[in-house]
Amino acid sequence: MTEGSAAEAWNRIWSTSEGRDAWRSAEPEIVDLARSRYRDRAARRALDLGCGIGRHALALARIGYEVHATDLAAAGLAQLRRAAEREKLSIAVREAACTDLPFDDAAFDLVVAFNVVHHGHKADVAASFAEIRRILRIGGVVHATLLSKRSAATMTGIEVSPDTYIWEHGEGDHRHPHCFCDRPELEAMLAGCDWLFIEERQVADLPEYYHWHFAAERRR
């Protein structure tokens, strides 16, 4: 079986109205944390990493952030550009990989990475978090999700590298690598950060999956 790319899979999803429907609304806890950081910590510059069609980028711009958004799926970026234009919101949108971000060190107060960093092998996940740490200012926050090894989905896929699986008969975005991590691995990748919260949650419509949901503040 040949590994597909996440960008190819999500381009297909973003190209249909039905595919976009489940991804139009921002996660309330991401909006709440972003709003509180904007109000209480004078956070002003944010990145929506792996932005898809831009639900979080749009929400951050409405709060007042200077927003940048990246993804490798061109169809999603096109949708975001159109939505930002309709709302007259200024969002800097560009195609870029999580593992090689086109930003200066310490460029952002907030990085949102929802349902994106686990799309790859373990080395890709580690490289993505290294980039996130690099572009965060001291006191900046990453608010993200990552697949947990507790997921039963690891038992039904084909392991293509350590803790990384694809599904031969999968649909949607399942035919490319997905990496699963435990908490010690996550803590190692976010060395130099303090947890604001970290929780392991079962995915409501995919009970065979568990996600880590977390926010961490860069201290050094």
C-alpha atoms as a PDB file:
ATOM      1  CA  MET A   1       0.000   0.000   0.000  1.00  0.00           C
ATOM      2  CA  THR A   2       1.300   3.460  -0.866  1.00  0.00           C
ATOM      3  CA  GLU A   3       1.125   6.200   1.733  1.00  0.00           C
ATOM      4  CA  GLY A   4      -0.947   9.148   0.655  1.00  0.00           C
ATOM      5  CA  SER A   5      -0.337  12.661   1.879  1.00  0.00           C
ATOM      6  CA  ALA A   6      -2.467  14.540   4.363  1.00  0.00           C
ATOM      7  CA  ALA A   7      -2.642  17.495   1.973  1.00  0.00           C
ATOM      8  CA  GLU A   8      -4.111  15.313  -0.790  1.00  0.00           C
ATOM      9  CA  ALA A   9      -6.743  13.892   1.544  1.00  0.00           C
ATOM     10  CA  TRP A  10      -7.764  17.253   2.982  1.00  0.00           C
ATOM     11  CA  ASN A  11      -7.833  18.882  -0.436  1.00  0.00           C
ATOM     12  CA  ARG A  12     -10.533  16.365  -1.370  1.00  0.00           C
ATOM     13  CA  ILE A  13     -12.439  17.099   1.844  1.00  0.00           C
ATOM     14  CA  TRP A  14     -12.234  20.882   1.496  1.00  0.00           C
ATOM     15  CA  SER A  15     -13.327  20.738  -2.134  1.00  0.00           C
ATOM     16  CA  THR A  16     -16.934  19.832  -1.237  1.00  0.00           C
ATOM     17  CA  SER A  17     -19.485  21.681   0.858  1.00  0.00           C
ATOM     18  CA  GLU A  18     -20.314  18.447   2.666  1.00  0.00           C
ATOM     19  CA  GLY A  19     -16.665  17.914   3.547  1.00  0.00           C
ATOM     20  CA  ARG A  20     -16.349  21.446   4.908  1.00  0.00           C
ATOM     21  CA  ASP A  21     -19.533  21.339   6.995  1.00  0.00           C
ATOM     22  CA  ALA A  22     -17.994  19.622  10.038  1.00  0.00           C
ATOM     23  CA  TRP A  23     -15.132  22.139  10.177  1.00  0.00           C
ATOM     24  CA  ARG A  24     -16.853  25.511  10.027  1.00  0.00           C
ATOM     25  CA  SER A  25     -17.141  26.324  13.762  1.00  0.00           C
ATOM     26  CA  ALA A  26     -14.199  27.209  15.987  1.00  0.00           C
ATOM     27  CA  GLU A  27     -13.650  25.143  19.132  1.00  0.00           C
ATOM     28  CA  PRO A  28     -15.089  27.185  22.047  1.00  0.00           C
ATOM     29  CA  GLU A  29     -12.176  26.461  24.391  1.00  0.00           C
ATOM     30  CA  ILE A  30      -9.692  27.718  21.806  1.00  0.00           C
ATOM     31  CA  VAL A  31     -11.680  30.928  21.410  1.00  0.00           C
ATOM     32  CA  ASP A  32     -12.005  31.335  25.184  1.00  0.00           C
ATOM     33  CA  LEU A  33      -8.272  30.889  25.836  1.00  0.00           C
ATOM     34  CA  ALA A  34      -7.363  33.192  22.938  1.00  0.00           C
ATOM     35  CA  ARG A  35      -9.737  35.872  24.188  1.00  0.00           C
ATOM     36  CA  SER A  36      -8.394  35.657  27.743  1.00  0.00           C
ATOM     37  CA  ARG A  37      -4.768  35.880  26.566  1.00  0.00           C
ATOM     38  CA  TYR A  38      -5.629  38.853  24.359  1.00  0.00           C
ATOM     39  CA  ARG A  39      -7.348  40.617  27.248  1.00  0.00           C
ATOM     40  CA  ASP A  40      -5.109  39.696  30.191  1.00  0.00           C
ATOM     41  CA  ARG A  41      -1.660  39.168  28.642  1.00  0.00           C
ATOM     42  CA  ALA A  42      -1.722  41.620  25.726  1.00  0.00           C
ATOM     43  CA  ALA A  43      -1.198  38.714  23.305  1.00  0.00           C
ATOM     44  CA  ARG A  44      -1.511  40.151  19.815  1.00  0.00           C
ATOM     45  CA  ARG A  45       0.070  37.911  17.151  1.00  0.00           C
ATOM     46  CA  ALA A  46      -1.323  34.438  16.449  1.00  0.00           C
ATOM     47  CA  LEU A  47      -0.720  31.541  14.064  1.00  0.00           C
ATOM     48  CA  ASP A  48      -3.357  29.013  13.005  1.00  0.00           C
ATOM     49  CA  LEU A  49      -1.095  26.092  12.114  1.00  0.00           C
ATOM     50  CA  GLY A  50      -2.683  23.588   9.750  1.00  0.00           C
ATOM     51  CA  CYS A  51      -5.603  25.967   9.426  1.00  0.00           C
ATOM     52  CA  GLY A  52      -7.785  23.974   7.028  1.00  0.00           C
ATOM     53  CA  ILE A  53     -10.632  26.251   5.928  1.00  0.00           C
ATOM     54  CA  GLY A  54      -9.683  28.678   8.675  1.00  0.00           C
ATOM     55  CA  ARG A  55     -12.294  28.397  11.402  1.00  0.00           C
ATOM     56  CA  HIS A  56      -9.794  29.314  14.112  1.00  0.00           C
ATOM     57  CA  ALA A  57      -7.939  31.908  12.031  1.00  0.00           C
ATOM     58  CA  LEU A  58     -11.232  33.717  11.443  1.00  0.00           C
ATOM     59  CA  ALA A  59     -12.165  33.522  15.129  1.00  0.00           C
ATOM     60  CA  LEU A  60      -8.770  34.907  16.191  1.00  0.00           C
ATOM     61  CA  ALA A  61      -9.024  37.767  13.702  1.00  0.00           C
ATOM     62  CA  ARG A  62     -12.474  38.657  15.026  1.00  0.00           C
ATOM     63  CA  ILE A  63     -10.997  38.924  18.535  1.00  0.00           C
ATOM     64  CA  GLY A  64      -8.412  41.365  17.234  1.00  0.00           C
ATOM     65  CA  TYR A  65      -5.265  39.291  16.725  1.00  0.00           C
ATOM     66  CA  GLU A  66      -2.853  39.846  13.866  1.00  0.00           C
ATOM     67  CA  VAL A  67      -3.414  36.416  12.345  1.00  0.00           C
ATOM     68  CA  HIS A  68      -1.232  34.236  10.161  1.00  0.00           C
ATOM     69  CA  ALA A  69      -2.488  30.900   8.828  1.00  0.00           C
ATOM     70  CA  THR A  70      -0.631  28.006   7.191  1.00  0.00           C
ATOM     71  CA  ASP A  71      -1.576  24.691   5.614  1.00  0.00           C
ATOM     72  CA  LEU A  72      -0.462  22.422   2.775  1.00  0.00           C
ATOM     73  CA  ALA A  73      -3.988  21.898   1.433  1.00  0.00           C
ATOM     74  CA  ALA A  74      -4.511  24.616  -1.171  1.00  0.00           C
ATOM     75  CA  ALA A  75      -8.283  24.068  -1.299  1.00  0.00           C
ATOM     76  CA  GLY A  76      -8.609  24.958   2.377  1.00  0.00           C
ATOM     77  CA  LEU A  77      -6.443  28.052   2.012  1.00  0.00           C
ATOM     78  CA  ALA A  78      -8.600  29.229  -0.882  1.00  0.00           C
ATOM     79  CA  GLN A  79     -11.710  28.841   1.264  1.00  0.00           C
ATOM     80  CA  LEU A  80     -10.081  30.855   4.072  1.00  0.00           C
ATOM     81  CA  ARG A  81      -9.063  33.676   1.733  1.00  0.00           C
ATOM     82  CA  ARG A  82     -12.624  33.958   0.438  1.00  0.00           C
ATOM     83  CA  ALA A  83     -14.103  33.924   3.947  1.00  0.00           C
ATOM     84  CA  ALA A  84     -11.666  36.576   5.191  1.00  0.00           C
ATOM     85  CA  GLU A  85     -12.474  38.768   2.204  1.00  0.00           C
ATOM     86  CA  ARG A  86     -16.217  38.444   2.850  1.00  0.00           C
ATOM     87  CA  GLU A  87     -15.758  39.518   6.474  1.00  0.00           C
ATOM     88  CA  LYS A  88     -13.142  42.146   5.602  1.00  0.00           C
ATOM     89  CA  LEU A  89     -10.644  40.496   7.940  1.00  0.00           C
ATOM     90  CA  SER A  90      -6.902  40.785   7.369  1.00  0.00           C
ATOM     91  CA  ILE A  91      -5.345  37.306   7.597  1.00  0.00           C
ATOM     92  CA  ALA A  92      -1.927  36.437   6.145  1.00  0.00           C
ATOM     93  CA  VAL A  93      -2.435  33.057   4.460  1.00  0.00           C
ATOM     94  CA  ARG A  94       0.364  30.937   3.047  1.00  0.00           C
ATOM     95  CA  GLU A  95       1.184  27.360   2.103  1.00  0.00           C
ATOM     96  CA  ALA A  96       3.744  25.886   4.491  1.00  0.00           C
ATOM     97  CA  ALA A  97       4.602  22.627   6.243  1.00  0.00           C
ATOM     98  CA  CYS A  98       4.415  22.302  10.033  1.00  0.00           C
ATOM     99  CA  THR A  99       7.969  20.999  10.005  1.00  0.00           C
ATOM    100  CA  ASP A 100       9.453  24.075   8.283  1.00  0.00           C
ATOM    101  CA  LEU A 101       7.617  27.266   9.167  1.00  0.00           C
ATOM    102  CA  PRO A 102       8.498  30.507   7.344  1.00  0.00           C
ATOM    103  CA  PHE A 103       8.569  32.692  10.454  1.00  0.00           C
ATOM    104  CA  ASP A 104      11.235  34.286  12.623  1.00  0.00           C
ATOM    105  CA  ASP A 105      12.122  32.971  16.061  1.00  0.00           C
ATOM    106  CA  ALA A 106       9.806  34.167  18.862  1.00  0.00           C
ATOM    107  CA  ALA A 107       7.319  35.596  16.357  1.00  0.00           C
ATOM    108  CA  PHE A 108       4.010  34.623  18.000  1.00  0.00           C
ATOM    109  CA  ASP A 109       2.091  35.012  21.248  1.00  0.00           C
ATOM    110  CA  LEU A 110      -0.278  32.158  20.393  1.00  0.00           C
ATOM    111  CA  VAL A 111      -0.089  29.096  18.144  1.00  0.00           C
ATOM    112  CA  VAL A 112      -3.200  26.998  17.514  1.00  0.00           C
ATOM    113  CA  ALA A 113      -2.547  23.507  16.102  1.00  0.00           C
ATOM    114  CA  PHE A 114      -5.832  21.616  16.179  1.00  0.00           C
ATOM    115  CA  ASN A 115      -6.028  18.138  14.619  1.00  0.00           C
ATOM    116  CA  VAL A 116      -2.911  18.606  12.504  1.00  0.00           C
ATOM    117  CA  VAL A 117       0.485  17.751  14.053  1.00  0.00           C
ATOM    118  CA  HIS A 118      -0.170  13.991  14.246  1.00  0.00           C
ATOM    119  CA  HIS A 119      -0.446  13.720  10.435  1.00  0.00           C
ATOM    120  CA  GLY A 120       2.974  12.202   9.824  1.00  0.00           C
ATOM    121  CA  HIS A 121       5.685  10.003  11.272  1.00  0.00           C
ATOM    122  CA  LYS A 122       7.194  10.462  14.729  1.00  0.00           C
ATOM    123  CA  ALA A 123      10.110  12.477  13.361  1.00  0.00           C
ATOM    124  CA  ASP A 124       7.608  14.817  11.666  1.00  0.00           C
ATOM    125  CA  VAL A 125       5.709  15.317  14.919  1.00  0.00           C
ATOM    126  CA  ALA A 126       8.924  16.075  16.814  1.00  0.00           C
ATOM    127  CA  ALA A 127      10.038  18.510  14.101  1.00  0.00           C
ATOM    128  CA  SER A 128       6.657  20.260  14.184  1.00  0.00           C
ATOM    129  CA  PHE A 129       6.826  20.807  17.925  1.00  0.00           C
ATOM    130  CA  ALA A 130      10.414  22.023  17.627  1.00  0.00           C
ATOM    131  CA  GLU A 131       9.171  24.614  15.138  1.00  0.00           C
ATOM    132  CA  ILE A 132       6.281  25.589  17.422  1.00  0.00           C
ATOM    133  CA  ARG A 133       8.662  26.131  20.343  1.00  0.00           C
ATOM    134  CA  ARG A 134      10.982  28.132  18.082  1.00  0.00           C
ATOM    135  CA  ILE A 135       8.344  30.586  16.863  1.00  0.00           C
ATOM    136  CA  LEU A 136       6.705  31.109  20.274  1.00  0.00           C
ATOM    137  CA  ARG A 137       7.768  34.080  22.343  1.00  0.00           C
ATOM    138  CA  ILE A 138       8.670  33.569  25.991  1.00  0.00           C
ATOM    139  CA  GLY A 139       5.259  33.517  27.658  1.00  0.00           C
ATOM    140  CA  GLY A 140       3.581  32.505  24.396  1.00  0.00           C
ATOM    141  CA  VAL A 141       1.114  29.627  24.339  1.00  0.00           C
ATOM    142  CA  VAL A 142       0.523  26.639  22.067  1.00  0.00           C
ATOM    143  CA  HIS A 143      -3.038  25.267  22.151  1.00  0.00           C
ATOM    144  CA  ALA A 144      -3.149  21.931  20.347  1.00  0.00           C
ATOM    145  CA  THR A 145      -4.281  18.333  20.002  1.00  0.00           C
ATOM    146  CA  LEU A 146      -2.375  15.119  19.353  1.00  0.00           C
ATOM    147  CA  LEU A 147      -3.426  11.479  18.992  1.00  0.00           C
ATOM    148  CA  SER A 148      -3.007   9.337  22.108  1.00  0.00           C
ATOM    149  CA  LYS A 149      -1.594   5.819  22.238  1.00  0.00           C
ATOM    150  CA  ARG A 150      -4.670   4.882  24.253  1.00  0.00           C
ATOM    151  CA  SER A 151      -6.584   4.835  20.959  1.00  0.00           C
ATOM    152  CA  ALA A 152      -7.871   1.419  19.899  1.00  0.00           C
ATOM    153  CA  ALA A 153      -7.400   2.636  16.323  1.00  0.00           C
ATOM    154  CA  THR A 154      -3.743   1.634  16.627  1.00  0.00           C
ATOM    155  CA  MET A 155      -4.878  -2.021  16.706  1.00  0.00           C
ATOM    156  CA  THR A 156      -6.696  -1.851  13.359  1.00  0.00           C
ATOM    157  CA  GLY A 157      -4.157   0.022  11.269  1.00  0.00           C
ATOM    158  CA  ILE A 158      -0.888  -1.008   9.634  1.00  0.00           C
ATOM    159  CA  GLU A 159       2.204   0.226  11.485  1.00  0.00           C
ATOM    160  CA  VAL A 160       4.473   1.901   8.941  1.00  0.00           C
ATOM    161  CA  SER A 161       7.004   3.292  11.438  1.00  0.00           C
ATOM    162  CA  PRO A 162       7.154   3.407  15.252  1.00  0.00           C
ATOM    163  CA  ASP A 163       3.700   4.357  16.632  1.00  0.00           C
ATOM    164  CA  THR A 164       2.603   5.473  13.142  1.00  0.00           C
ATOM    165  CA  TYR A 165      -0.304   3.837  11.310  1.00  0.00           C
ATOM    166  CA  ILE A 166      -2.299   3.941   8.099  1.00  0.00           C
ATOM    167  CA  TRP A 167      -5.532   2.098   7.251  1.00  0.00           C
ATOM    168  CA  GLU A 168      -5.759   0.011   4.085  1.00  0.00           C
ATOM    169  CA  HIS A 169      -9.510   0.411   3.815  1.00  0.00           C
ATOM    170  CA  GLY A 170      -9.734   3.821   5.402  1.00  0.00           C
ATOM    171  CA  GLU A 171     -11.713   6.742   4.083  1.00  0.00           C
ATOM    172  CA  GLY A 172     -11.225  10.500   4.226  1.00  0.00           C
ATOM    173  CA  ASP A 173      -7.850  11.299   5.761  1.00  0.00           C
ATOM    174  CA  HIS A 174      -7.052   7.774   7.018  1.00  0.00           C
ATOM    175  CA  ARG A 175      -4.868   6.570   4.157  1.00  0.00           C
ATOM    176  CA  HIS A 176      -1.799   8.564   5.197  1.00  0.00           C
ATOM    177  CA  PRO A 177       0.390   8.240   8.329  1.00  0.00           C
ATOM    178  CA  HIS A 178      -1.055   9.083  11.753  1.00  0.00           C
ATOM    179  CA  CYS A 179       1.312   9.220  14.735  1.00  0.00           C
ATOM    180  CA  PHE A 180       0.239   8.328  18.293  1.00  0.00           C
ATOM    181  CA  CYS A 181       2.072   9.565  21.407  1.00  0.00           C
ATOM    182  CA  ASP A 182       1.949   9.048  25.146  1.00  0.00           C
ATOM    183  CA  ARG A 183       2.281  11.759  27.758  1.00  0.00           C
ATOM    184  CA  PRO A 184       6.034  11.349  28.448  1.00  0.00           C
ATOM    185  CA  GLU A 185       6.728  11.755  24.721  1.00  0.00           C
ATOM    186  CA  LEU A 186       4.536  14.834  24.574  1.00  0.00           C
ATOM    187  CA  GLU A 187       6.263  16.321  27.618  1.00  0.00           C
ATOM    188  CA  ALA A 188       9.663  15.704  26.012  1.00  0.00           C
ATOM    189  CA  MET A 189       8.597  17.437  22.795  1.00  0.00           C
ATOM    190  CA  LEU A 190       7.353  20.429  24.798  1.00  0.00           C
ATOM    191  CA  ALA A 191      10.401  20.688  27.057  1.00  0.00           C
ATOM    192  CA  GLY A 192      10.774  24.271  28.174  1.00  0.00           C
ATOM    193  CA  CYS A 193       7.014  24.783  28.439  1.00  0.00           C
ATOM    194  CA  ASP A 194       4.614  24.730  31.399  1.00  0.00           C
ATOM    195  CA  TRP A 195       1.227  23.064  31.101  1.00  0.00           C
ATOM    196  CA  LEU A 196      -1.819  25.283  31.368  1.00  0.00           C
ATOM    197  CA  PHE A 197      -3.866  22.106  31.019  1.00  0.00           C
ATOM    198  CA  ILE A 198      -3.558  18.637  29.492  1.00  0.00           C
ATOM    199  CA  GLU A 199      -6.411  16.148  29.076  1.00  0.00           C
ATOM    200  CA  GLU A 200      -6.910  12.847  27.277  1.00  0.00           C
ATOM    201  CA  ARG A 201     -10.339  12.822  25.623  1.00  0.00           C
ATOM    202  CA  GLN A 202     -12.261  10.250  23.642  1.00  0.00           C
ATOM    203  CA  VAL A 203     -13.453  11.519  20.258  1.00  0.00           C
ATOM    204  CA  ALA A 204     -17.264  11.633  20.365  1.00  0.00           C
ATOM    205  CA  ASP A 205     -17.968  10.407  16.826  1.00  0.00           C
ATOM    206  CA  LEU A 206     -14.861   8.171  16.603  1.00  0.00           C
ATOM    207  CA  PRO A 207     -14.779   6.234  19.908  1.00  0.00           C
ATOM    208  CA  GLU A 208     -11.727   4.225  18.825  1.00  0.00           C
ATOM    209  CA  TYR A 209      -9.690   7.433  19.015  1.00  0.00           C
ATOM    210  CA  TYR A 210      -8.367   9.404  21.976  1.00  0.00           C
ATOM    211  CA  HIS A 211      -6.819  12.850  21.602  1.00  0.00           C
ATOM    212  CA  TRP A 212      -4.546  14.777  23.884  1.00  0.00           C
ATOM    213  CA  HIS A 213      -5.981  18.279  24.305  1.00  0.00           C
ATOM    214  CA  PHE A 214      -3.520  20.701  25.855  1.00  0.00           C
ATOM    215  CA  ALA A 215      -2.217  24.213  26.198  1.00  0.00           C
ATOM    216  CA  ALA A 216       1.354  24.955  27.231  1.00  0.00           C
ATOM    217  CA  GLU A 217       3.239  28.199  27.847  1.00  0.00           C
ATOM    218  CA  ARG A 218       6.828  28.642  26.734  1.00  0.00           C
ATOM    219  CA  ARG A 219       9.019  29.582  29.698  1.00  0.00           C
ATOM    220  CA  ARG A 220      12.463  29.320  28.052  1.00  0.00           C
END
